[in-house]
C-alpha atoms as a PDB file:
ATOM      1  CA  MET A   1     -35.002 -45.742 165.544  1.00  0.00           C
ATOM      2  CA  LEU A   2     -34.774 -41.977 165.424  1.00  0.00           C
ATOM      3  CA  GLY A   3     -37.806 -40.027 164.370  1.00  0.00           C
ATOM      4  CA  GLY A   4     -39.421 -43.125 162.903  1.00  0.00           C
ATOM      5  CA  ARG A   5     -36.441 -44.035 160.832  1.00  0.00           C
ATOM      6  CA  THR A   6     -33.703 -46.481 161.521  1.00  0.00           C
ATOM      7  CA  LYS A   7     -30.313 -44.938 161.863  1.00  0.00           C
ATOM      8  CA  LYS A   8     -27.597 -46.701 159.934  1.00  0.00           C
ATOM      9  CA  ILE A   9     -24.480 -47.045 162.003  1.00  0.00           C
ATOM     10  CA  CYS A  10     -21.989 -48.348 159.407  1.00  0.00           C
ATOM     11  CA  GLY A  11     -23.614 -46.973 156.210  1.00  0.00           C
ATOM     12  CA  SER A  12     -25.962 -48.682 153.762  1.00  0.00           C
ATOM     13  CA  LYS A  13     -25.363 -52.048 152.279  1.00  0.00           C
ATOM     14  CA  ASP A  14     -24.746 -50.358 148.881  1.00  0.00           C
ATOM     15  CA  ALA A  15     -21.994 -48.173 150.331  1.00  0.00           C
ATOM     16  CA  LYS A  16     -19.013 -50.164 148.994  1.00  0.00           C
ATOM     17  CA  MET A  17     -16.211 -47.623 148.834  1.00  0.00           C
ATOM     18  CA  ASN A  18     -13.934 -46.750 151.632  1.00  0.00           C
ATOM     19  CA  GLN A  19     -12.384 -43.272 152.225  1.00  0.00           C
ATOM     20  CA  GLY A  20      -9.399 -44.189 150.041  1.00  0.00           C
ATOM     21  CA  GLY A  21     -11.668 -44.958 147.058  1.00  0.00           C
ATOM     22  CA  LYS A  22     -11.005 -48.695 147.285  1.00  0.00           C
ATOM     23  CA  ARG A  23     -14.065 -50.871 146.754  1.00  0.00           C
ATOM     24  CA  PHE A  24     -15.102 -53.094 149.632  1.00  0.00           C
ATOM     25  CA  LEU A  25     -15.775 -56.580 148.585  1.00  0.00           C
ATOM     26  CA  PHE A  26     -18.694 -57.605 150.821  1.00  0.00           C
ATOM     27  CA  ASP A  27     -20.614 -59.410 148.092  1.00  0.00           C
ATOM     28  CA  LEU A  28     -17.777 -61.243 146.404  1.00  0.00           C
ATOM     29  CA  PRO A  29     -16.110 -64.507 147.166  1.00  0.00           C
ATOM     30  CA  GLY A  30     -12.800 -64.442 149.202  1.00  0.00           C
ATOM     31  CA  ARG A  31     -10.204 -66.413 150.913  1.00  0.00           C
ATOM     32  CA  TYR A  32     -10.171 -65.858 154.790  1.00  0.00           C
ATOM     33  CA  ARG A  33      -7.846 -66.921 157.668  1.00  0.00           C
ATOM     34  CA  ILE A  34      -9.545 -66.909 161.119  1.00  0.00           C
ATOM     35  CA  ARG A  35      -7.596 -67.568 164.314  1.00  0.00           C
ATOM     36  CA  VAL A  36      -9.277 -68.513 167.621  1.00  0.00           C
ATOM     37  CA  GLN A  37      -7.837 -69.430 171.015  1.00  0.00           C
ATOM     38  CA  GLY A  38      -8.079 -72.971 172.051  1.00  0.00           C
ATOM     39  CA  HIS A  39      -8.115 -76.364 170.247  1.00  0.00           C
ATOM     40  CA  LEU A  40     -10.761 -76.971 167.717  1.00  0.00           C
ATOM     41  CA  SER A  41     -11.078 -80.471 166.123  1.00  0.00           C
ATOM     42  CA  ALA A  42     -10.765 -80.861 162.432  1.00  0.00           C
ATOM     43  CA  SER A  43     -14.154 -82.748 162.497  1.00  0.00           C
ATOM     44  CA  TRP A  44     -15.779 -79.248 162.846  1.00  0.00           C
ATOM     45  CA  SER A  45     -14.759 -78.245 159.209  1.00  0.00           C
ATOM     46  CA  SER A  46     -18.055 -79.257 157.657  1.00  0.00           C
ATOM     47  CA  ARG A  47     -19.932 -76.970 160.154  1.00  0.00           C
ATOM     48  CA  LEU A  48     -17.574 -74.113 159.352  1.00  0.00           C
ATOM     49  CA  SER A  49     -18.021 -73.916 155.669  1.00  0.00           C
ATOM     50  CA  ASP A  50     -15.424 -76.658 154.955  1.00  0.00           C
ATOM     51  CA  MET A  51     -12.552 -74.440 156.195  1.00  0.00           C
ATOM     52  CA  VAL A  52      -9.245 -76.185 156.821  1.00  0.00           C
ATOM     53  CA  ILE A  53      -8.615 -76.362 160.494  1.00  0.00           C
ATOM     54  CA  THR A  54      -5.036 -76.531 161.881  1.00  0.00           C
ATOM     55  CA  VAL A  55      -3.942 -76.263 165.507  1.00  0.00           C
ATOM     56  CA  ARG A  56      -0.646 -74.966 166.762  1.00  0.00           C
ATOM     57  CA  GLN A  57       0.435 -75.069 170.380  1.00  0.00           C
ATOM     58  CA  PRO A  58       3.554 -73.095 171.237  1.00  0.00           C
ATOM     59  CA  ALA A  59       5.527 -74.354 174.327  1.00  0.00           C
ATOM     60  CA  ASN A  60       3.908 -73.233 177.570  1.00  0.00           C
ATOM     61  CA  GLN A  61       1.050 -71.491 175.755  1.00  0.00           C
ATOM     62  CA  GLN A  62      -2.569 -72.127 174.954  1.00  0.00           C
ATOM     63  CA  PRO A  63      -3.214 -73.704 171.484  1.00  0.00           C
ATOM     64  CA  VAL A  64      -4.283 -71.535 168.699  1.00  0.00           C
ATOM     65  CA  THR A  65      -6.624 -72.902 166.003  1.00  0.00           C
ATOM     66  CA  THR A  66      -6.367 -71.464 162.394  1.00  0.00           C
ATOM     67  CA  LEU A  67      -9.171 -71.817 159.980  1.00  0.00           C
ATOM     68  CA  THR A  68      -8.424 -71.122 156.344  1.00  0.00           C
ATOM     69  CA  GLY A  69     -10.719 -71.353 153.359  1.00  0.00           C
ATOM     70  CA  ASP A  70     -12.820 -69.717 150.773  1.00  0.00           C
ATOM     71  CA  LEU A  71     -16.132 -68.100 151.653  1.00  0.00           C
ATOM     72  CA  ARG A  72     -18.764 -66.855 149.106  1.00  0.00           C
ATOM     73  CA  ASP A  73     -19.486 -63.565 150.686  1.00  0.00           C
ATOM     74  CA  GLN A  74     -19.579 -61.693 153.910  1.00  0.00           C
ATOM     75  CA  ALA A  75     -22.852 -63.472 154.903  1.00  0.00           C
ATOM     76  CA  ALA A  76     -20.879 -66.855 154.835  1.00  0.00           C
ATOM     77  CA  LEU A  77     -18.076 -65.255 156.947  1.00  0.00           C
ATOM     78  CA  MET A  78     -20.625 -64.057 159.564  1.00  0.00           C
ATOM     79  CA  GLY A  79     -22.040 -67.637 159.568  1.00  0.00           C
ATOM     80  CA  VAL A  80     -18.583 -69.035 160.496  1.00  0.00           C
ATOM     81  CA  LEU A  81     -17.919 -66.373 163.024  1.00  0.00           C
ATOM     82  CA  ASN A  82     -21.365 -66.858 164.602  1.00  0.00           C
ATOM     83  CA  ALA A  83     -20.774 -70.647 164.885  1.00  0.00           C
ATOM     84  CA  LEU A  84     -17.406 -70.003 166.436  1.00  0.00           C
ATOM     85  CA  TYR A  85     -18.982 -67.633 168.967  1.00  0.00           C
ATOM     86  CA  ASP A  86     -21.692 -70.243 169.744  1.00  0.00           C
ATOM     87  CA  MET A  87     -18.920 -72.795 170.396  1.00  0.00           C
ATOM     88  CA  GLY A  88     -17.292 -70.367 172.802  1.00  0.00           C
ATOM     89  CA  CYS A  89     -14.098 -69.853 170.757  1.00  0.00           C
ATOM     90  CA  PRO A  90     -12.394 -66.525 171.642  1.00  0.00           C
ATOM     91  CA  LEU A  91     -11.700 -64.785 168.293  1.00  0.00           C
ATOM     92  CA  LEU A  92      -8.010 -63.664 167.916  1.00  0.00           C
ATOM     93  CA  LYS A  93      -7.843 -62.388 164.377  1.00  0.00           C
ATOM     94  CA  VAL A  94      -9.790 -62.425 161.050  1.00  0.00           C
ATOM     95  CA  GLU A  95      -7.935 -61.727 157.823  1.00  0.00           C
ATOM     96  CA  ARG A  96      -9.147 -61.520 154.190  1.00  0.00           C
ATOM     97  CA  LEU A  97      -6.383 -62.993 152.213  1.00  0.00           C
ATOM     98  CA  GLY A  98      -7.732 -62.001 148.764  1.00  0.00           C
ATOM     99  CA  ALA A  99     -10.495 -62.282 146.285  1.00  0.00           C
ATOM    100  CA  LEU A 100     -11.203 -65.461 144.445  1.00  0.00           C
ATOM    101  CA  PRO A 101     -11.582 -65.525 140.709  1.00  0.00           C
ATOM    102  CA  THR A 102     -15.154 -65.452 139.599  1.00  0.00           C
ATOM    103  CA  ALA A 103     -16.766 -67.088 136.467  1.00  0.00           C
ATOM    104  CA  GLU A 104     -16.914 -63.709 134.996  1.00  0.00           C
ATOM    105  CA  ASP A 105     -13.088 -63.253 135.463  1.00  0.00           C
ATOM    106  CA  SER A 106     -12.458 -66.596 133.790  1.00  0.00           C
ATOM    107  CA  ASN A 107     -14.790 -65.654 130.815  1.00  0.00           C
ATOM    108  CA  ARG A 108     -12.933 -62.411 130.279  1.00  0.00           C
ATOM    109  CA  ARG A 109      -9.657 -64.309 129.984  1.00  0.00           C
ATOM    110  CA  GLY A 110     -11.180 -66.907 127.757  1.00  0.00           C
ATOM    111  CA  GLU A 111     -10.476 -69.739 130.355  1.00  0.00           C
ATOM    112  CA  PRO A 112     -12.920 -72.588 130.958  1.00  0.00           C
ATOM    113  CA  ILE A 113     -14.886 -72.428 134.154  1.00  0.00           C
END
């Protein structure tokens, strides 16, 4: 706190535009791919927002686990990342693969939900 007010490090929650004018999608569903070092059993999927878990182990290297799935917002992403942290999984990469269609998008196109 500075002078009785909390200093915001990364801006306000409502600041949803980056410098290029593109909208950040913190509050919308998206498809994510997360890579961690080590072997993570598929049985952890339910604890990790039902993400699909695959493990790849290149010759003479440590295994890399990839989690892929749909998350409802950034809070859900943080839940998965916090769970991986609590499990001691070193994070290698987090990618947002794209937005998921919303019910509003389907309604605009006249498609059933």
